[in-house]
Structures are given as C-alpha cells and as structure tokens.
Amino acid sequence: MLNEANPALIILNFTFVLINLMKIIPLSFLIALFNSILICAQPLTGNYTINSALPTGGTNFQSFNSFADSINLNGVSGNVIATVQPGSGPYHEKVIFNNVAGTGPTASVTINGSGETITAITDTGNIYIVRLQDVSFFNVKNLHVVYDTVSTGGFLGIHIMHSGSDISISNCDVFGGPEVNSLYGSIVASGSYKSIMDSGDFHRINIVGNVCTGGAFGISLYGKGSNLATGIVIDSNKVYDFYVNGIYFRATDGLIVSNNHLDHRTSVVATRNAIQIGPNENMNADIHGNFISVYLKILQHRFYSRGSSW
C-alpha cells in the first residue's frame, strides 16, 4: 500500500510504473505524452507553432483547437505568438478562444496565420469558424478563413462575441460564400452566438487591411446603447460582393471608417448599402477616404445613415 507520507516511496513507485510502461509502450510515445501534458499545464509565454504535421508537444500545437484548449485553460504570463507553419494547412476545424486569463498590455496573444486556411462546415447552432469570446489583447493576422459550400444556417468567419477589447484583426482574407441570409458575415462583432444583430460590449478594436468577400455583411460591429463602442477603427479593408451591407455599425462613439475599398461586382437585382451607420445611438463618426463602387440595377445607398450624428 502506498504510504503518501513518504516522498521517497512515492518516487520509487512512480519509477517502477514508468519502467514497466517502457516495456510495452515506445519511449518516443511516452516522451510525446509527457511533453503534451507539460505544454498544457502552465501559463503560456513566448513563441509557439501550429503545425498539423507534428504532434502537440514542446512549443508546437497540432491544431488551432489544441492551442485554444491550452491557452483557454492555463492563460498567459507574457506575450504569446502562435505562428501557423507555412504549408501545414488547410485546417478543418472551428475554434473558440474564451476569456484568456492573464492578458494585458505586456501579455497579448497573437495568431499569425501565415496565409494558411481554416475552414469548417457550419450549421444553425455553430455558425462560426474563429470565435473570440470575451477576450482582450488578442490579435489575428494573415489568416485565410473560408466558407464551406456544404454549410447551412449561417457563417461568421471571424466572430468577436459578447465582449472584446484591445483586439486587432489584420491582413486576413475571409470568404463568406454566396449566401444572402443575414446570418452570413466575414468579420463580425456581436453579442450572441447566433446573430449579427445582437449588441455586445466592444472597445479599442482595429480591423485593418483585410479582404472580405461575399456573405450578407462584410464587416459588422454592434455595440451597446448603454455603453457605446469606442476606439473602433476600420481602415484599408477591401470588401467585395456583399449582399446587404459592406460595412455596418451600430451604437458607437468616435468610430473611424477610412480608406476602405467597397465593391459589389455583380448585377443582381437587389438593394445594397456600402456603408451603413445606424440606426440611432452613433456619435462622432469619422468616415473618410473610402472608395465605393456598387454595380447594380437598383442602387439603394452608397452611404446610409439612420438617426446618427458625427
């Protein structure tokens, strides 16, 4: 019987178990298992890779979800950069980053997609591909997010959900598909998992240099009327072939929408808004330097405001 009061006996028993395991399990597997346990047992800091060709262990994660599982559970103790290995995609998965502990001005999380693709089949209950839920000091860049043609019920390529602050989405390429339903959007910040049109608590979010194609909404952010979204910058994005709104914002204060290229390149008979700010609850918006080209038989609005002031 193990005597828990005797550390030496505990070590002896552990060594005995390990020796016997080595008789039936390859040492390389045991090392990989130990590394996997170690990487998932402490706050993350420093540089990591996401590489599907290698198992999770050391500083590598085999998938976006293995990285998310670790960081969601253990948090961070310093800046974390996870770089997707070039040539290792595509990745067929949905992933949620949720309330990562320890983040701050000197402890941010950055995912560098290296131009690799993440895609998955979405349905009514799970319409996201990459979801950032209640996170802060979080950056996603150089990631290709793609709608799967088998998907049903909705698609949110990169979804900032419920609340978020000090977030950057940059140089990503999001394809939202040909769907016209208002549950389809490329880069969306909203308050719930199932709707673009639910309010959330959002501050200091930069959406810069992305390409958004297809879907009903290109870029959308819906703040709270009781706590207007602040520090929102939408700059130098290319938004193509949107069915409803290229850029849509509601409940913001000091919003900047600048130097974006919005182009609907088909002649489907319908109405479109290239940029819509409203209704109500918007203040001090600065909208300048945007290029808008909408080729339609019926053009509703290139720029549309409902009850807002700036």
Protein backbone atom coordinates (compact mmCIF):
# COMPACT_ATOMS: atom_id res chain seq x y z
CA MET A 1 0.00 0.00 0.00
CA LEU A 2 1.33 3.45 -0.95
CA ASN A 3 2.47 5.48 2.00
CA GLU A 4 1.56 9.05 0.98
CA ALA A 5 3.63 10.47 3.84
CA ASN A 6 6.86 9.11 2.41
CA PRO A 7 8.05 11.08 -0.67
CA ALA A 8 10.85 8.61 -1.36
CA LEU A 9 8.35 5.77 -1.58
CA ILE A 10 6.18 7.80 -3.94
CA ILE A 11 9.16 8.37 -6.27
CA LEU A 12 10.07 4.68 -6.09
CA ASN A 13 6.54 3.62 -7.03
CA PHE A 14 6.41 6.13 -9.90
CA THR A 15 9.77 4.86 -11.22
CA PHE A 16 8.53 1.27 -11.04
CA VAL A 17 5.39 2.17 -13.03
CA LEU A 18 7.44 4.10 -15.60
CA ILE A 19 9.88 1.19 -16.12
CA ASN A 20 7.01 -1.21 -16.69
CA LEU A 21 5.30 1.17 -19.11
CA MET A 22 8.52 1.40 -21.11
CA LYS A 23 8.36 -2.36 -21.62
CA ILE A 24 5.07 -2.13 -23.52
CA ILE A 25 4.97 1.46 -24.81
CA PRO A 26 7.65 3.03 -27.06
CA LEU A 27 9.81 5.60 -25.30
CA SER A 28 9.14 8.15 -28.07
CA PHE A 29 5.42 7.94 -27.33
CA LEU A 30 5.97 8.44 -23.60
CA ILE A 31 8.14 11.49 -24.28
CA ALA A 32 5.50 12.95 -26.59
CA LEU A 33 2.83 12.27 -23.95
CA PHE A 34 4.92 13.95 -21.25
CA ASN A 35 5.53 16.99 -23.48
CA SER A 36 1.83 17.19 -24.26
CA ILE A 37 0.97 17.17 -20.56
CA LEU A 38 3.70 19.73 -19.81
CA ILE A 39 2.60 22.19 -22.54
CA CYS A 40 -0.96 22.06 -21.24
CA ALA A 41 -0.12 22.52 -17.57
CA GLN A 42 1.27 26.04 -17.25
CA PRO A 43 0.57 29.59 -18.48
CA LEU A 44 1.89 30.23 -21.95
CA THR A 45 4.53 32.80 -22.84
CA GLY A 46 6.82 33.19 -25.82
CA ASN A 47 6.72 31.76 -29.35
CA TYR A 48 4.77 28.69 -30.45
CA THR A 49 3.84 26.98 -33.70
CA ILE A 50 0.66 25.45 -35.03
CA ASN A 51 1.70 22.63 -37.33
CA SER A 52 -0.60 19.77 -38.30
CA ALA A 53 2.37 17.63 -39.34
CA LEU A 54 3.72 17.43 -35.78
CA PRO A 55 2.11 16.25 -32.53
CA THR A 56 1.25 18.64 -29.76
CA GLY A 57 4.29 18.96 -27.50
CA GLY A 58 7.17 21.25 -26.64
CA THR A 59 6.28 24.54 -28.36
CA ASN A 60 4.08 23.03 -31.08
CA PHE A 61 0.31 22.56 -31.28
CA GLN A 62 -1.09 20.20 -33.90
CA SER A 63 -4.28 22.20 -34.41
CA PHE A 64 -5.93 25.51 -33.60
CA ASN A 65 -8.07 23.68 -31.07
CA SER A 66 -5.11 22.17 -29.23
CA PHE A 67 -3.68 25.70 -28.92
CA ALA A 68 -7.06 27.06 -27.78
CA ASP A 69 -7.53 24.25 -25.25
CA SER A 70 -4.21 25.09 -23.63
CA ILE A 71 -4.49 28.85 -23.60
CA ASN A 72 -8.17 28.85 -22.54
CA LEU A 73 -7.33 26.58 -19.59
CA ASN A 74 -3.99 27.96 -18.48
CA GLY A 75 -3.93 31.58 -19.66
CA VAL A 76 -0.76 33.52 -20.36
CA SER A 77 2.06 35.02 -18.33
CA GLY A 78 3.60 37.14 -21.11
CA ASN A 79 3.29 37.87 -24.81
CA VAL A 80 2.32 34.79 -26.81
CA ILE A 81 2.83 34.46 -30.58
CA ALA A 82 1.47 31.35 -32.28
CA THR A 83 2.64 31.09 -35.90
CA VAL A 84 0.96 28.67 -38.26
CA GLN A 85 3.59 26.69 -40.13
CA PRO A 86 3.53 27.66 -43.83
CA GLY A 87 2.26 24.78 -45.95
CA SER A 88 0.66 22.95 -42.99
CA GLY A 89 -2.96 23.73 -43.89
CA PRO A 90 -5.76 23.68 -44.60
CA TYR A 91 -7.15 23.18 -41.10
CA HIS A 92 -10.67 21.74 -40.96
CA GLU A 93 -11.99 22.90 -37.61
CA LYS A 94 -13.93 25.52 -35.69
CA VAL A 95 -12.15 27.14 -32.77
CA ILE A 96 -13.15 29.26 -29.75
CA PHE A 97 -10.80 31.42 -27.69
CA ASN A 98 -12.63 32.22 -24.49
CA ASN A 99 -11.73 34.66 -21.70
CA VAL A 100 -7.99 34.01 -21.75
CA ALA A 101 -6.59 34.71 -18.28
CA GLY A 102 -3.55 36.92 -17.77
CA THR A 103 -3.75 39.05 -20.91
CA GLY A 104 -2.79 42.71 -20.71
CA PRO A 105 -0.64 45.40 -22.33
CA THR A 106 2.51 43.29 -21.82
CA ALA A 107 0.81 39.91 -22.26
CA SER A 108 -1.04 39.79 -25.56
CA VAL A 109 -1.93 36.83 -27.76
CA THR A 110 -1.13 36.90 -31.48
CA ILE A 111 -2.07 34.28 -34.05
CA ASN A 112 -0.10 34.65 -37.28
CA GLY A 113 -1.89 32.52 -39.86
CA SER A 114 0.97 32.70 -42.42
CA GLY A 115 -1.66 32.77 -45.16
CA GLU A 116 -2.89 29.27 -44.28
CA THR A 117 -6.56 28.31 -44.45
CA ILE A 118 -9.02 27.36 -41.72
CA THR A 119 -12.45 26.12 -42.80
CA ALA A 120 -15.31 24.05 -41.45
CA ILE A 121 -18.91 23.10 -42.14
CA THR A 122 -21.17 25.44 -40.18
CA ASP A 123 -24.79 24.88 -39.18
CA THR A 124 -27.55 26.69 -37.31
CA GLY A 125 -26.11 26.02 -33.85
CA ASN A 126 -22.46 26.63 -34.76
CA ILE A 127 -22.10 29.32 -37.40
CA TYR A 128 -18.57 30.46 -36.51
CA ILE A 129 -15.13 29.44 -37.75
CA VAL A 130 -12.89 31.51 -35.44
CA ARG A 131 -14.60 32.92 -32.36
CA LEU A 132 -13.05 35.34 -29.88
CA GLN A 133 -15.35 35.31 -26.87
CA ASP A 134 -14.82 37.77 -24.01
CA VAL A 135 -11.16 38.25 -24.88
CA SER A 136 -8.81 41.21 -24.68
CA PHE A 137 -5.33 41.99 -26.03
CA PHE A 138 -5.82 39.46 -28.82
CA ASN A 139 -4.58 39.72 -32.42
CA VAL A 140 -5.35 37.64 -35.50
CA LYS A 141 -3.39 38.30 -38.68
CA ASN A 142 -2.55 36.75 -42.04
CA LEU A 143 -5.23 34.06 -41.74
CA HIS A 144 -7.39 32.75 -44.60
CA VAL A 145 -10.91 31.85 -43.40
CA VAL A 146 -13.13 30.07 -45.91
CA TYR A 147 -16.83 29.21 -46.11
CA ASP A 148 -17.56 25.53 -46.83
CA THR A 149 -20.17 25.06 -49.54
CA VAL A 150 -21.87 22.31 -47.50
CA SER A 151 -22.59 24.77 -44.68
CA THR A 152 -26.16 25.62 -43.68
CA GLY A 153 -27.77 28.08 -41.32
CA GLY A 154 -25.09 30.78 -41.19
CA PHE A 155 -21.41 31.66 -41.36
CA LEU A 156 -19.34 34.05 -39.26
CA GLY A 157 -15.72 33.88 -40.41
CA ILE A 158 -14.08 35.74 -37.52
CA HIS A 159 -16.57 36.41 -34.74
CA ILE A 160 -15.84 38.66 -31.76
CA MET A 161 -18.61 37.64 -29.40
CA HIS A 162 -20.27 39.12 -26.33
CA SER A 163 -17.41 41.43 -25.34
CA GLY A 164 -13.93 42.30 -26.55
CA SER A 165 -11.28 44.97 -26.13
CA ASP A 166 -7.82 45.75 -27.49
CA ILE A 167 -8.32 43.37 -30.42
CA SER A 168 -6.73 43.55 -33.86
CA ILE A 169 -7.88 41.68 -36.97
CA SER A 170 -5.42 42.44 -39.76
CA ASN A 171 -4.42 41.22 -43.21
CA CYS A 172 -6.87 38.32 -43.11
CA ASP A 173 -8.73 37.01 -46.14
CA VAL A 174 -12.28 35.89 -45.34
CA PHE A 175 -14.58 34.31 -47.91
CA GLY A 176 -18.19 34.39 -46.71
CA GLY A 177 -19.71 32.47 -49.59
CA PRO A 178 -22.58 33.24 -51.94
CA GLU A 179 -25.33 33.16 -49.32
CA VAL A 180 -27.71 36.12 -48.97
CA ASN A 181 -29.03 35.32 -45.49
CA SER A 182 -28.28 37.97 -42.85
CA LEU A 183 -26.55 35.31 -40.72
CA TYR A 184 -23.59 35.31 -43.09
CA GLY A 185 -20.72 37.72 -42.39
CA SER A 186 -16.95 37.83 -42.78
CA ILE A 187 -15.73 39.79 -39.71
CA VAL A 188 -18.42 40.35 -37.09
CA ALA A 189 -18.61 41.68 -33.54
CA SER A 190 -21.95 40.91 -31.91
CA GLY A 191 -23.47 39.96 -28.59
CA SER A 192 -24.63 36.41 -29.25
CA TYR A 193 -23.54 33.19 -30.93
CA LYS A 194 -26.43 33.12 -33.37
CA SER A 195 -26.96 36.68 -34.63
CA ILE A 196 -25.09 39.56 -36.22
CA MET A 197 -27.73 41.95 -34.89
CA ASP A 198 -27.30 41.47 -31.13
CA SER A 199 -25.40 44.07 -29.11
CA GLY A 200 -22.11 43.48 -27.31
CA ASP A 201 -19.55 45.40 -25.25
CA PHE A 202 -16.67 46.33 -27.58
CA HIS A 203 -13.78 48.79 -27.22
CA ARG A 204 -10.47 49.52 -28.97
CA ILE A 205 -10.88 47.16 -31.89
CA ASN A 206 -8.86 47.59 -35.09
CA ILE A 207 -9.98 45.87 -38.29
CA VAL A 208 -7.29 46.76 -40.79
CA GLY A 209 -6.08 45.57 -44.20
CA ASN A 210 -8.42 42.61 -44.58
CA VAL A 211 -10.18 41.23 -47.66
CA CYS A 212 -13.82 40.23 -47.09
CA THR A 213 -15.75 38.61 -49.94
CA GLY A 214 -19.38 37.52 -50.16
CA GLY A 215 -21.99 36.93 -47.50
CA ALA A 216 -24.61 39.41 -46.38
CA PHE A 217 -22.22 41.53 -44.26
CA GLY A 218 -18.56 42.25 -44.92
CA ILE A 219 -17.63 43.90 -41.62
CA SER A 220 -20.13 44.49 -38.83
CA LEU A 221 -19.98 45.70 -35.22
CA TYR A 222 -22.96 46.18 -32.91
CA GLY A 223 -22.18 47.97 -29.64
CA LYS A 224 -24.40 48.58 -26.63
CA GLY A 225 -26.69 51.58 -26.43
CA SER A 226 -25.94 51.84 -22.70
CA ASN A 227 -22.16 51.68 -23.25
CA LEU A 228 -21.30 52.79 -26.77
CA ALA A 229 -18.44 51.00 -28.51
CA THR A 230 -15.33 53.21 -28.50
CA GLY A 231 -11.93 53.16 -30.16
CA ILE A 232 -13.21 51.30 -33.23
CA VAL A 233 -11.04 51.70 -36.36
CA ILE A 234 -11.94 50.16 -39.74
CA ASP A 235 -9.19 51.05 -42.18
CA SER A 236 -7.81 49.94 -45.56
CA ASN A 237 -10.02 46.88 -45.98
CA LYS A 238 -11.33 45.52 -49.27
CA VAL A 239 -14.96 44.42 -49.09
CA TYR A 240 -16.43 42.65 -52.12
CA ASP A 241 -19.80 41.26 -53.23
CA PHE A 242 -21.76 41.89 -50.02
CA TYR A 243 -25.48 41.19 -50.19
CA VAL A 244 -26.77 43.63 -47.53
CA ASN A 245 -24.04 45.84 -46.04
CA GLY A 246 -20.38 46.16 -46.87
CA ILE A 247 -19.66 47.85 -43.54
CA TYR A 248 -22.31 48.12 -40.81
CA PHE A 249 -22.01 49.68 -37.36
CA ARG A 250 -24.43 50.49 -34.58
CA ALA A 251 -24.05 52.02 -31.11
CA THR A 252 -20.57 53.52 -31.50
CA ASP A 253 -18.81 56.69 -30.34
CA GLY A 254 -15.82 58.04 -32.29
CA LEU A 255 -15.89 55.31 -34.93
CA ILE A 256 -13.31 55.73 -37.75
CA VAL A 257 -14.08 54.21 -41.17
CA SER A 258 -11.31 55.19 -43.56
CA ASN A 259 -9.55 54.23 -46.78
CA ASN A 260 -11.68 51.15 -47.41
CA HIS A 261 -12.46 49.82 -50.89
CA LEU A 262 -16.05 48.56 -51.21
CA ASP A 263 -17.06 46.97 -54.49
CA HIS A 264 -20.14 44.93 -55.34
CA ARG A 265 -19.11 43.35 -58.61
CA THR A 266 -22.30 41.60 -59.73
CA SER A 267 -25.54 42.94 -61.23
CA VAL A 268 -28.04 41.01 -59.12
CA VAL A 269 -31.29 42.98 -58.77
CA ALA A 270 -31.38 43.96 -55.11
CA THR A 271 -30.57 46.84 -52.81
CA ARG A 272 -27.26 47.30 -51.06
CA ASN A 273 -25.63 49.62 -48.54
CA ALA A 274 -21.89 50.00 -48.97
CA ILE A 275 -21.55 51.68 -45.53
CA GLN A 276 -24.46 51.86 -43.09
CA ILE A 277 -24.16 53.65 -39.76
CA GLY A 278 -27.30 53.33 -37.73
CA PRO A 279 -29.95 53.39 -36.60
CA ASN A 280 -29.54 55.93 -33.78
CA GLU A 281 -27.02 55.55 -30.95
CA ASN A 282 -23.97 56.57 -33.03
CA MET A 283 -21.87 59.64 -32.23
CA ASN A 284 -18.80 61.40 -33.59
CA ALA A 285 -18.14 59.05 -36.51
CA ASP A 286 -15.27 59.96 -38.85
CA ILE A 287 -15.83 58.47 -42.31
CA HIS A 288 -13.35 59.49 -44.99
CA GLY A 289 -11.25 58.32 -47.90
CA ASN A 290 -13.40 55.30 -48.80
CA PHE A 291 -13.83 54.12 -52.40
CA ILE A 292 -17.30 52.76 -53.20
CA SER A 293 -18.30 51.02 -56.41
CA VAL A 294 -21.62 49.16 -56.49
CA TYR A 295 -22.74 47.75 -59.84
CA LEU A 296 -26.49 47.19 -59.52
CA LYS A 297 -29.66 47.57 -61.47
CA ILE A 298 -31.11 49.11 -58.32
CA LEU A 299 -28.74 51.03 -56.06
CA GLN A 300 -30.17 51.95 -52.68
CA HIS A 301 -27.32 53.67 -50.85
CA ARG A 302 -23.57 54.01 -51.12
CA PHE A 303 -23.54 55.62 -47.69
CA TYR A 304 -26.57 55.36 -45.43
CA SER A 305 -27.13 56.83 -42.00
CA ARG A 306 -30.17 56.40 -39.80
CA GLY A 307 -30.54 58.84 -36.95
CA SER A 308 -26.84 59.19 -36.20
CA SER A 309 -24.63 62.21 -35.60
CA TRP A 310 -20.94 62.93 -36.28
